[in-house]
Amino acid sequence: MVDTYYQKGFKLVCLTEHMPRLNNRFLYPEEIEKSYTITNLNQDFENYLNHAKELQKKYEGKMRIVIGFEVEAINKEHIQFAKELASKFELMIGSIHFVKEIPIDFDKESWNKARDSLGSQRLLFKEYFKLQQQLIIELKPKVIGHFDLIRLFQDEDVDLKTWPEVGQRLILKAI
């Protein structure tokens, strides 16, 4: 892919990979089916970083390659880990994939489980944007990944203006 970007005249490319999760209980079903563990995710991430650095050297002077990572802001431990990783990277993408430590982007069943753990779709949205706000305040990423991922499996389309306590979370006073 990077070679194709170069051939097409790109001058700047950013490579990213999701940071590894910190506990096997956060593995997705497809990873479990492959017998993956957190060890595998860590190795994949390390391989990504090494390969990205090799590509940086290969294209030095021809095309700038920015090496980044996407945050897995599952909980406070993951946010702290992202802070520690940040010094190794030029770019951090702030993302939320879990609410109440339950994945919201894998399938409808998991999304429903997250919703049910909070009691309603409205409260799930509120918690999602609360996490998003926490991530933005604590990590200050330059890019927010899929800000509205919470809508992926939503029960009904919602105008967030009708939920002021959810909409308030979208206003970031700290930035």
N, C-alpha and C. Protein backbone atom coordinates (compact mmCIF):
# COMPACT_ATOMS: atom_id res chain seq x y z
N MET A 1 0.82 -1.19 0.00
CA MET A 1 0.00 0.00 0.00
C MET A 1 0.86 1.26 0.00
N VAL A 2 1.88 1.27 0.82
CA VAL A 2 2.73 2.46 0.91
C VAL A 2 3.40 2.71 -0.43
N ASP A 3 3.84 1.66 -1.10
CA ASP A 3 4.46 1.83 -2.41
C ASP A 3 3.46 2.42 -3.41
N THR A 4 2.21 1.99 -3.34
CA THR A 4 1.17 2.55 -4.22
C THR A 4 0.97 4.03 -3.95
N TYR A 5 0.94 4.41 -2.66
CA TYR A 5 0.83 5.83 -2.32
C TYR A 5 1.98 6.62 -2.95
N TYR A 6 3.17 6.07 -2.82
CA TYR A 6 4.35 6.74 -3.36
C TYR A 6 4.24 6.88 -4.88
N GLN A 7 3.87 5.79 -5.55
CA GLN A 7 3.74 5.81 -7.02
C GLN A 7 2.67 6.81 -7.48
N LYS A 8 1.68 7.04 -6.66
CA LYS A 8 0.61 7.98 -7.02
C LYS A 8 0.95 9.42 -6.65
N GLY A 9 2.14 9.62 -6.09
CA GLY A 9 2.60 10.97 -5.83
C GLY A 9 2.29 11.51 -4.45
N PHE A 10 1.88 10.67 -3.54
CA PHE A 10 1.62 11.15 -2.18
C PHE A 10 2.93 11.65 -1.57
N LYS A 11 2.82 12.71 -0.80
CA LYS A 11 3.98 13.28 -0.10
C LYS A 11 3.94 12.97 1.39
N LEU A 12 2.76 12.59 1.87
CA LEU A 12 2.57 12.33 3.30
C LEU A 12 1.57 11.19 3.47
N VAL A 13 1.93 10.22 4.30
CA VAL A 13 1.06 9.09 4.61
C VAL A 13 1.16 8.85 6.12
N CYS A 14 0.03 8.52 6.72
CA CYS A 14 0.04 8.17 8.15
C CYS A 14 -0.38 6.72 8.28
N LEU A 15 0.42 5.94 8.98
CA LEU A 15 0.11 4.55 9.28
C LEU A 15 -0.36 4.46 10.72
N THR A 16 -1.42 3.69 10.95
CA THR A 16 -1.91 3.50 12.32
C THR A 16 -2.29 2.05 12.55
N GLU A 17 -2.29 1.68 13.80
CA GLU A 17 -2.75 0.36 14.24
C GLU A 17 -3.37 0.54 15.62
N HIS A 18 -4.37 -0.28 15.94
CA HIS A 18 -4.96 -0.22 17.28
C HIS A 18 -3.93 -0.67 18.30
N MET A 19 -3.88 0.06 19.41
CA MET A 19 -2.99 -0.35 20.48
C MET A 19 -3.50 -1.68 21.05
N PRO A 20 -2.63 -2.48 21.61
CA PRO A 20 -3.09 -3.75 22.17
C PRO A 20 -3.96 -3.53 23.41
N ARG A 21 -4.93 -4.39 23.57
CA ARG A 21 -5.75 -4.35 24.78
C ARG A 21 -4.99 -5.04 25.91
N LEU A 22 -5.37 -4.76 27.13
CA LEU A 22 -4.57 -5.15 28.29
C LEU A 22 -5.02 -6.43 28.98
N ASN A 23 -6.11 -7.00 28.55
CA ASN A 23 -6.62 -8.19 29.22
C ASN A 23 -7.34 -9.06 28.21
N ASN A 24 -7.18 -10.38 28.35
CA ASN A 24 -7.82 -11.32 27.42
C ASN A 24 -9.34 -11.18 27.40
N ARG A 25 -9.93 -10.68 28.46
CA ARG A 25 -11.39 -10.54 28.47
C ARG A 25 -11.89 -9.49 27.48
N PHE A 26 -10.96 -8.69 26.93
CA PHE A 26 -11.33 -7.69 25.94
C PHE A 26 -11.10 -8.16 24.50
N LEU A 27 -10.78 -9.43 24.32
CA LEU A 27 -10.63 -9.97 22.98
C LEU A 27 -11.98 -10.08 22.30
N TYR A 28 -12.00 -9.83 21.00
CA TYR A 28 -13.22 -9.99 20.21
C TYR A 28 -13.41 -11.47 19.87
N PRO A 29 -14.64 -11.89 19.64
CA PRO A 29 -14.89 -13.31 19.32
C PRO A 29 -14.03 -13.83 18.17
N GLU A 30 -13.82 -13.03 17.14
CA GLU A 30 -13.00 -13.49 16.01
C GLU A 30 -11.55 -13.71 16.42
N GLU A 31 -11.07 -12.95 17.39
CA GLU A 31 -9.70 -13.16 17.89
C GLU A 31 -9.64 -14.43 18.73
N ILE A 32 -10.65 -14.66 19.52
CA ILE A 32 -10.72 -15.88 20.33
C ILE A 32 -10.76 -17.11 19.42
N GLU A 33 -11.54 -17.03 18.34
CA GLU A 33 -11.62 -18.14 17.37
C GLU A 33 -10.26 -18.47 16.78
N LYS A 34 -9.41 -17.47 16.63
CA LYS A 34 -8.05 -17.66 16.10
C LYS A 34 -7.06 -18.06 17.20
N SER A 35 -7.57 -18.25 18.41
CA SER A 35 -6.75 -18.58 19.59
C SER A 35 -5.77 -17.47 19.93
N TYR A 36 -6.15 -16.24 19.62
CA TYR A 36 -5.34 -15.09 19.98
C TYR A 36 -5.38 -14.86 21.47
N THR A 37 -4.33 -14.21 21.95
CA THR A 37 -4.26 -13.75 23.34
C THR A 37 -3.72 -12.32 23.31
N ILE A 38 -3.65 -11.73 24.46
CA ILE A 38 -3.06 -10.40 24.57
C ILE A 38 -1.60 -10.44 24.11
N THR A 39 -0.93 -11.54 24.34
CA THR A 39 0.45 -11.69 23.87
C THR A 39 0.52 -11.53 22.36
N ASN A 40 -0.41 -12.15 21.63
CA ASN A 40 -0.45 -12.01 20.18
C ASN A 40 -0.68 -10.56 19.77
N LEU A 41 -1.62 -9.90 20.45
CA LEU A 41 -1.90 -8.50 20.10
C LEU A 41 -0.68 -7.62 20.33
N ASN A 42 0.02 -7.86 21.43
CA ASN A 42 1.24 -7.10 21.71
C ASN A 42 2.30 -7.35 20.64
N GLN A 43 2.45 -8.60 20.23
CA GLN A 43 3.44 -8.93 19.20
C GLN A 43 3.06 -8.31 17.86
N ASP A 44 1.78 -8.38 17.51
CA ASP A 44 1.32 -7.75 16.27
C ASP A 44 1.60 -6.25 16.28
N PHE A 45 1.35 -5.62 17.42
CA PHE A 45 1.58 -4.18 17.54
C PHE A 45 3.06 -3.85 17.42
N GLU A 46 3.89 -4.64 18.05
CA GLU A 46 5.34 -4.45 17.95
C GLU A 46 5.81 -4.66 16.51
N ASN A 47 5.27 -5.68 15.84
CA ASN A 47 5.61 -5.92 14.43
C ASN A 47 5.19 -4.74 13.56
N TYR A 48 4.00 -4.21 13.83
CA TYR A 48 3.52 -3.03 13.10
C TYR A 48 4.51 -1.87 13.27
N LEU A 49 4.88 -1.59 14.51
CA LEU A 49 5.77 -0.45 14.78
C LEU A 49 7.12 -0.65 14.08
N ASN A 50 7.68 -1.84 14.16
CA ASN A 50 8.96 -2.11 13.51
C ASN A 50 8.86 -1.95 11.99
N HIS A 51 7.79 -2.50 11.41
CA HIS A 51 7.61 -2.41 9.96
C HIS A 51 7.41 -0.95 9.53
N ALA A 52 6.63 -0.22 10.29
CA ALA A 52 6.40 1.19 9.97
C ALA A 52 7.71 1.98 10.01
N LYS A 53 8.56 1.69 10.98
CA LYS A 53 9.86 2.37 11.05
C LYS A 53 10.74 2.02 9.85
N GLU A 54 10.69 0.75 9.42
CA GLU A 54 11.43 0.34 8.23
C GLU A 54 10.95 1.11 7.00
N LEU A 55 9.63 1.26 6.88
CA LEU A 55 9.07 2.00 5.76
C LEU A 55 9.47 3.47 5.81
N GLN A 56 9.52 4.03 7.02
CA GLN A 56 9.96 5.42 7.16
C GLN A 56 11.36 5.59 6.58
N LYS A 57 12.24 4.66 6.93
CA LYS A 57 13.62 4.73 6.44
C LYS A 57 13.67 4.55 4.92
N LYS A 58 12.91 3.59 4.43
CA LYS A 58 12.91 3.29 3.00
C LYS A 58 12.47 4.49 2.16
N TYR A 59 11.50 5.24 2.65
CA TYR A 59 10.95 6.35 1.87
C TYR A 59 11.47 7.71 2.33
N GLU A 60 12.45 7.71 3.21
CA GLU A 60 13.00 8.97 3.72
C GLU A 60 13.48 9.84 2.55
N GLY A 61 13.06 11.10 2.58
CA GLY A 61 13.42 12.02 1.52
C GLY A 61 12.52 11.95 0.30
N LYS A 62 11.69 10.92 0.22
CA LYS A 62 10.79 10.74 -0.93
C LYS A 62 9.33 11.01 -0.54
N MET A 63 8.99 10.55 0.65
CA MET A 63 7.61 10.68 1.14
C MET A 63 7.67 10.60 2.67
N ARG A 64 6.95 11.48 3.32
CA ARG A 64 6.95 11.47 4.79
C ARG A 64 5.94 10.43 5.27
N ILE A 65 6.37 9.59 6.18
CA ILE A 65 5.49 8.59 6.79
C ILE A 65 5.38 8.89 8.27
N VAL A 66 4.16 9.20 8.69
CA VAL A 66 3.86 9.46 10.09
C VAL A 66 3.40 8.13 10.70
N ILE A 67 3.96 7.80 11.84
CA ILE A 67 3.58 6.56 12.52
C ILE A 67 2.67 6.92 13.69
N GLY A 68 1.49 6.32 13.69
CA GLY A 68 0.51 6.59 14.72
C GLY A 68 -0.09 5.34 15.30
N PHE A 69 -1.00 5.54 16.24
CA PHE A 69 -1.75 4.42 16.79
C PHE A 69 -3.13 4.88 17.19
N GLU A 70 -4.04 3.93 17.23
CA GLU A 70 -5.41 4.22 17.63
C GLU A 70 -5.62 3.71 19.06
N VAL A 71 -6.14 4.59 19.87
CA VAL A 71 -6.38 4.31 21.28
C VAL A 71 -7.54 3.32 21.44
N GLU A 72 -7.40 2.46 22.40
CA GLU A 72 -8.49 1.62 22.88
C GLU A 72 -8.82 2.12 24.29
N ALA A 73 -9.70 3.10 24.38
CA ALA A 73 -10.00 3.74 25.67
C ALA A 73 -11.09 2.97 26.41
N ILE A 74 -10.80 1.74 26.74
CA ILE A 74 -11.77 0.86 27.37
C ILE A 74 -12.05 1.28 28.80
N ASN A 75 -10.99 1.69 29.49
CA ASN A 75 -11.09 2.06 30.90
C ASN A 75 -9.87 2.91 31.27
N LYS A 76 -9.76 3.27 32.55
CA LYS A 76 -8.65 4.12 32.99
C LYS A 76 -7.29 3.50 32.72
N GLU A 77 -7.19 2.17 32.87
CA GLU A 77 -5.91 1.49 32.64
C GLU A 77 -5.48 1.63 31.17
N HIS A 78 -6.44 1.50 30.28
CA HIS A 78 -6.12 1.63 28.86
C HIS A 78 -5.75 3.08 28.50
N ILE A 79 -6.42 4.02 29.11
CA ILE A 79 -6.07 5.43 28.86
C ILE A 79 -4.67 5.72 29.37
N GLN A 80 -4.32 5.19 30.53
CA GLN A 80 -2.97 5.37 31.06
C GLN A 80 -1.93 4.71 30.14
N PHE A 81 -2.25 3.52 29.65
CA PHE A 81 -1.34 2.83 28.73
C PHE A 81 -1.15 3.65 27.45
N ALA A 82 -2.22 4.25 26.95
CA ALA A 82 -2.13 5.10 25.76
C ALA A 82 -1.21 6.29 26.03
N LYS A 83 -1.29 6.87 27.23
CA LYS A 83 -0.39 7.97 27.59
C LYS A 83 1.06 7.52 27.52
N GLU A 84 1.32 6.32 28.00
CA GLU A 84 2.68 5.78 27.99
C GLU A 84 3.16 5.51 26.56
N LEU A 85 2.27 5.04 25.70
CA LEU A 85 2.63 4.75 24.31
C LEU A 85 2.86 6.02 23.50
N ALA A 86 2.18 7.09 23.87
CA ALA A 86 2.16 8.31 23.05
C ALA A 86 3.55 8.83 22.71
N SER A 87 4.50 8.68 23.61
CA SER A 87 5.84 9.23 23.36
C SER A 87 6.56 8.50 22.22
N LYS A 88 6.13 7.31 21.87
CA LYS A 88 6.76 6.54 20.80
C LYS A 88 6.18 6.85 19.42
N PHE A 89 5.13 7.67 19.37
CA PHE A 89 4.39 7.87 18.13
C PHE A 89 4.23 9.35 17.83
N GLU A 90 4.05 9.65 16.55
CA GLU A 90 3.83 11.02 16.11
C GLU A 90 2.35 11.41 16.17
N LEU A 91 1.47 10.42 16.13
CA LEU A 91 0.04 10.71 16.07
C LEU A 91 -0.75 9.68 16.87
N MET A 92 -1.72 10.19 17.59
CA MET A 92 -2.63 9.33 18.35
C MET A 92 -4.05 9.61 17.87
N ILE A 93 -4.77 8.55 17.57
CA ILE A 93 -6.19 8.67 17.21
C ILE A 93 -6.99 8.22 18.43
N GLY A 94 -7.82 9.10 18.95
CA GLY A 94 -8.62 8.79 20.13
C GLY A 94 -9.90 8.09 19.73
N SER A 95 -10.10 6.88 20.23
CA SER A 95 -11.28 6.10 19.85
C SER A 95 -11.88 5.36 21.03
N ILE A 96 -13.19 5.20 20.94
CA ILE A 96 -13.94 4.42 21.92
C ILE A 96 -14.57 3.24 21.17
N HIS A 97 -14.26 2.03 21.61
CA HIS A 97 -14.85 0.82 21.02
C HIS A 97 -15.64 0.02 22.05
N PHE A 98 -15.50 0.37 23.33
CA PHE A 98 -16.14 -0.36 24.42
C PHE A 98 -16.87 0.64 25.31
N VAL A 99 -18.01 0.25 25.82
CA VAL A 99 -18.72 1.01 26.84
C VAL A 99 -19.05 0.03 27.96
N LYS A 100 -18.74 0.42 29.17
CA LYS A 100 -18.88 -0.48 30.33
C LYS A 100 -18.08 -1.76 30.07
N GLU A 101 -16.95 -1.59 29.40
CA GLU A 101 -16.02 -2.67 29.06
C GLU A 101 -16.66 -3.74 28.17
N ILE A 102 -17.69 -3.35 27.42
CA ILE A 102 -18.39 -4.24 26.48
C ILE A 102 -18.22 -3.65 25.08
N PRO A 103 -17.80 -4.46 24.10
CA PRO A 103 -17.62 -3.90 22.76
C PRO A 103 -18.94 -3.43 22.16
N ILE A 104 -18.89 -2.27 21.52
CA ILE A 104 -20.10 -1.72 20.89
C ILE A 104 -20.01 -1.75 19.37
N ASP A 105 -18.91 -2.25 18.84
CA ASP A 105 -18.70 -2.21 17.40
C ASP A 105 -18.56 -3.58 16.75
N PHE A 106 -18.75 -4.64 17.52
CA PHE A 106 -18.56 -5.98 16.94
C PHE A 106 -19.84 -6.54 16.33
N ASP A 107 -20.91 -6.53 17.12
CA ASP A 107 -22.18 -7.04 16.61
C ASP A 107 -23.33 -6.44 17.43
N LYS A 108 -24.52 -6.61 16.94
CA LYS A 108 -25.71 -6.06 17.59
C LYS A 108 -25.90 -6.65 18.99
N GLU A 109 -25.59 -7.92 19.14
CA GLU A 109 -25.75 -8.58 20.44
C GLU A 109 -24.88 -7.91 21.52
N SER A 110 -23.63 -7.62 21.18
CA SER A 110 -22.74 -6.95 22.13
C SER A 110 -23.21 -5.53 22.41
N TRP A 111 -23.62 -4.84 21.35
CA TRP A 111 -24.13 -3.47 21.51
C TRP A 111 -25.33 -3.48 22.45
N ASN A 112 -26.24 -4.44 22.25
CA ASN A 112 -27.42 -4.56 23.12
C ASN A 112 -27.01 -4.85 24.56
N LYS A 113 -25.99 -5.68 24.73
CA LYS A 113 -25.51 -6.00 26.08
C LYS A 113 -25.01 -4.73 26.78
N ALA A 114 -24.28 -3.90 26.04
CA ALA A 114 -23.79 -2.63 26.61
C ALA A 114 -24.98 -1.73 26.96
N ARG A 115 -25.94 -1.64 26.05
CA ARG A 115 -27.14 -0.83 26.30
C ARG A 115 -27.88 -1.34 27.53
N ASP A 116 -28.09 -2.64 27.60
CA ASP A 116 -28.84 -3.22 28.71
C ASP A 116 -28.12 -3.05 30.04
N SER A 117 -26.77 -3.02 30.00
CA SER A 117 -26.01 -2.83 31.25
C SER A 117 -26.26 -1.45 31.84
N LEU A 118 -26.67 -0.51 30.99
CA LEU A 118 -26.95 0.85 31.44
C LEU A 118 -28.44 1.15 31.57
N GLY A 119 -29.27 0.34 30.92
CA GLY A 119 -30.71 0.50 31.07
C GLY A 119 -31.46 1.08 29.90
N SER A 120 -30.76 1.79 28.99
CA SER A 120 -31.46 2.37 27.84
C SER A 120 -30.44 2.82 26.79
N GLN A 121 -30.94 3.02 25.58
CA GLN A 121 -30.09 3.54 24.51
C GLN A 121 -29.60 4.94 24.87
N ARG A 122 -30.47 5.72 25.45
CA ARG A 122 -30.13 7.08 25.84
C ARG A 122 -28.95 7.10 26.82
N LEU A 123 -29.00 6.23 27.82
CA LEU A 123 -27.91 6.17 28.80
C LEU A 123 -26.63 5.60 28.19
N LEU A 124 -26.78 4.70 27.22
CA LEU A 124 -25.60 4.18 26.52
C LEU A 124 -24.91 5.31 25.75
N PHE A 125 -25.68 6.10 25.04
CA PHE A 125 -25.10 7.24 24.31
C PHE A 125 -24.42 8.20 25.29
N LYS A 126 -25.08 8.47 26.39
CA LYS A 126 -24.52 9.39 27.38
C LYS A 126 -23.17 8.87 27.89
N GLU A 127 -23.11 7.59 28.20
CA GLU A 127 -21.86 6.99 28.70
C GLU A 127 -20.78 7.00 27.63
N TYR A 128 -21.15 6.71 26.38
CA TYR A 128 -20.20 6.73 25.27
C TYR A 128 -19.54 8.11 25.14
N PHE A 129 -20.38 9.14 25.13
CA PHE A 129 -19.82 10.48 24.96
C PHE A 129 -19.11 10.97 26.22
N LYS A 130 -19.47 10.44 27.37
CA LYS A 130 -18.73 10.73 28.60
C LYS A 130 -17.30 10.16 28.47
N LEU A 131 -17.20 8.93 27.97
CA LEU A 131 -15.89 8.32 27.75
C LEU A 131 -15.10 9.09 26.69
N GLN A 132 -15.80 9.51 25.64
CA GLN A 132 -15.16 10.28 24.58
C GLN A 132 -14.59 11.58 25.15
N GLN A 133 -15.37 12.24 25.99
CA GLN A 133 -14.92 13.49 26.62
C GLN A 133 -13.70 13.23 27.51
N GLN A 134 -13.75 12.16 28.30
CA GLN A 134 -12.63 11.81 29.18
C GLN A 134 -11.37 11.55 28.35
N LEU A 135 -11.52 10.82 27.28
CA LEU A 135 -10.40 10.51 26.41
C LEU A 135 -9.79 11.80 25.84
N ILE A 136 -10.63 12.69 25.37
CA ILE A 136 -10.16 13.94 24.76
C ILE A 136 -9.45 14.81 25.79
N ILE A 137 -10.01 14.92 26.97
CA ILE A 137 -9.41 15.75 28.02
C ILE A 137 -8.09 15.16 28.49
N GLU A 138 -8.05 13.85 28.71
CA GLU A 138 -6.84 13.24 29.27
C GLU A 138 -5.73 13.01 28.24
N LEU A 139 -6.10 12.63 27.01
CA LEU A 139 -5.08 12.28 26.03
C LEU A 139 -4.81 13.37 24.99
N LYS A 140 -5.78 14.26 24.79
CA LYS A 140 -5.64 15.33 23.80
C LYS A 140 -5.17 14.83 22.44
N PRO A 141 -5.84 13.82 21.89
CA PRO A 141 -5.43 13.32 20.57
C PRO A 141 -5.67 14.36 19.49
N LYS A 142 -4.84 14.34 18.46
CA LYS A 142 -5.00 15.28 17.34
C LYS A 142 -6.18 14.87 16.45
N VAL A 143 -6.53 13.58 16.48
CA VAL A 143 -7.62 13.05 15.65
C VAL A 143 -8.55 12.23 16.53
N ILE A 144 -9.85 12.39 16.31
CA ILE A 144 -10.85 11.56 16.98
C ILE A 144 -11.34 10.55 15.95
N GLY A 145 -11.23 9.28 16.29
CA GLY A 145 -11.68 8.23 15.38
C GLY A 145 -13.16 7.97 15.54
N HIS A 146 -13.83 7.85 14.42
CA HIS A 146 -15.26 7.52 14.36
C HIS A 146 -16.04 8.01 15.58
N PHE A 147 -16.15 9.32 15.65
CA PHE A 147 -16.79 9.99 16.80
C PHE A 147 -18.18 9.44 17.10
N ASP A 148 -18.87 8.96 16.09
CA ASP A 148 -20.24 8.50 16.27
C ASP A 148 -20.38 6.98 16.14
N LEU A 149 -19.35 6.24 16.48
CA LEU A 149 -19.40 4.78 16.39
C LEU A 149 -20.58 4.20 17.18
N ILE A 150 -21.00 4.88 18.21
CA ILE A 150 -22.12 4.43 19.03
C ILE A 150 -23.39 4.22 18.21
N ARG A 151 -23.49 4.87 17.09
CA ARG A 151 -24.69 4.77 16.24
C ARG A 151 -24.71 3.50 15.38
N LEU A 152 -23.63 2.75 15.34
CA LEU A 152 -23.51 1.61 14.44
C LEU A 152 -24.67 0.62 14.53
N PHE A 153 -25.07 0.27 15.73
CA PHE A 153 -26.15 -0.70 15.93
C PHE A 153 -27.33 -0.11 16.69
N GLN A 154 -27.51 1.20 16.64
CA GLN A 154 -28.56 1.86 17.41
C GLN A 154 -29.94 1.31 17.04
N ASP A 155 -30.83 1.34 18.03
CA ASP A 155 -32.20 0.84 17.86
C ASP A 155 -33.00 1.74 16.93
N GLU A 156 -32.85 3.03 17.11
CA GLU A 156 -33.60 4.01 16.32
C GLU A 156 -32.72 5.22 16.14
N ASP A 157 -32.91 5.92 15.04
CA ASP A 157 -32.14 7.13 14.81
C ASP A 157 -32.55 8.17 15.85
N VAL A 158 -31.59 8.88 16.37
CA VAL A 158 -31.84 9.82 17.46
C VAL A 158 -31.27 11.17 17.09
N ASP A 159 -32.04 12.21 17.30
CA ASP A 159 -31.55 13.58 17.19
C ASP A 159 -31.03 13.94 18.59
N LEU A 160 -29.73 14.05 18.72
CA LEU A 160 -29.13 14.27 20.04
C LEU A 160 -29.57 15.59 20.68
N LYS A 161 -30.16 16.48 19.89
CA LYS A 161 -30.68 17.72 20.46
C LYS A 161 -31.85 17.43 21.40
N THR A 162 -32.50 16.28 21.21
CA THR A 162 -33.64 15.92 22.07
C THR A 162 -33.17 15.28 23.37
N TRP A 163 -31.88 15.01 23.48
CA TRP A 163 -31.31 14.45 24.70
C TRP A 163 -30.25 15.42 25.20
N PRO A 164 -30.64 16.50 25.85
CA PRO A 164 -29.66 17.53 26.23
C PRO A 164 -28.53 17.01 27.12
N GLU A 165 -28.81 16.06 27.98
CA GLU A 165 -27.75 15.54 28.87
C GLU A 165 -26.73 14.73 28.09
N VAL A 166 -27.10 14.21 26.93
CA VAL A 166 -26.15 13.54 26.05
C VAL A 166 -25.40 14.58 25.23
N GLY A 167 -26.15 15.50 24.66
CA GLY A 167 -25.56 16.55 23.85
C GLY A 167 -24.53 17.38 24.61
N GLN A 168 -24.74 17.57 25.92
CA GLN A 168 -23.78 18.33 26.72
C GLN A 168 -22.41 17.69 26.69
N ARG A 169 -22.35 16.40 26.57
CA ARG A 169 -21.08 15.69 26.53
C ARG A 169 -20.31 16.00 25.25
N LEU A 170 -21.00 16.50 24.24
CA LEU A 170 -20.35 16.82 22.98
C LEU A 170 -19.66 18.17 23.04
N ILE A 171 -19.96 18.95 24.04
CA ILE A 171 -19.37 20.27 24.20
C ILE A 171 -18.15 20.10 25.13
N LEU A 172 -16.99 20.34 24.61
CA LEU A 172 -15.78 20.10 25.37
C LEU A 172 -15.20 21.42 25.86
N LYS A 173 -15.50 21.74 27.08
CA LYS A 173 -15.07 23.00 27.67
C LYS A 173 -13.59 23.00 28.00
N ALA A 174 -13.00 21.84 28.16
CA ALA A 174 -11.61 21.76 28.61
C ALA A 174 -10.60 22.00 27.48
N ILE A 175 -11.06 22.03 26.25
CA ILE A 175 -10.11 22.17 25.14
C ILE A 175 -10.12 23.58 24.61
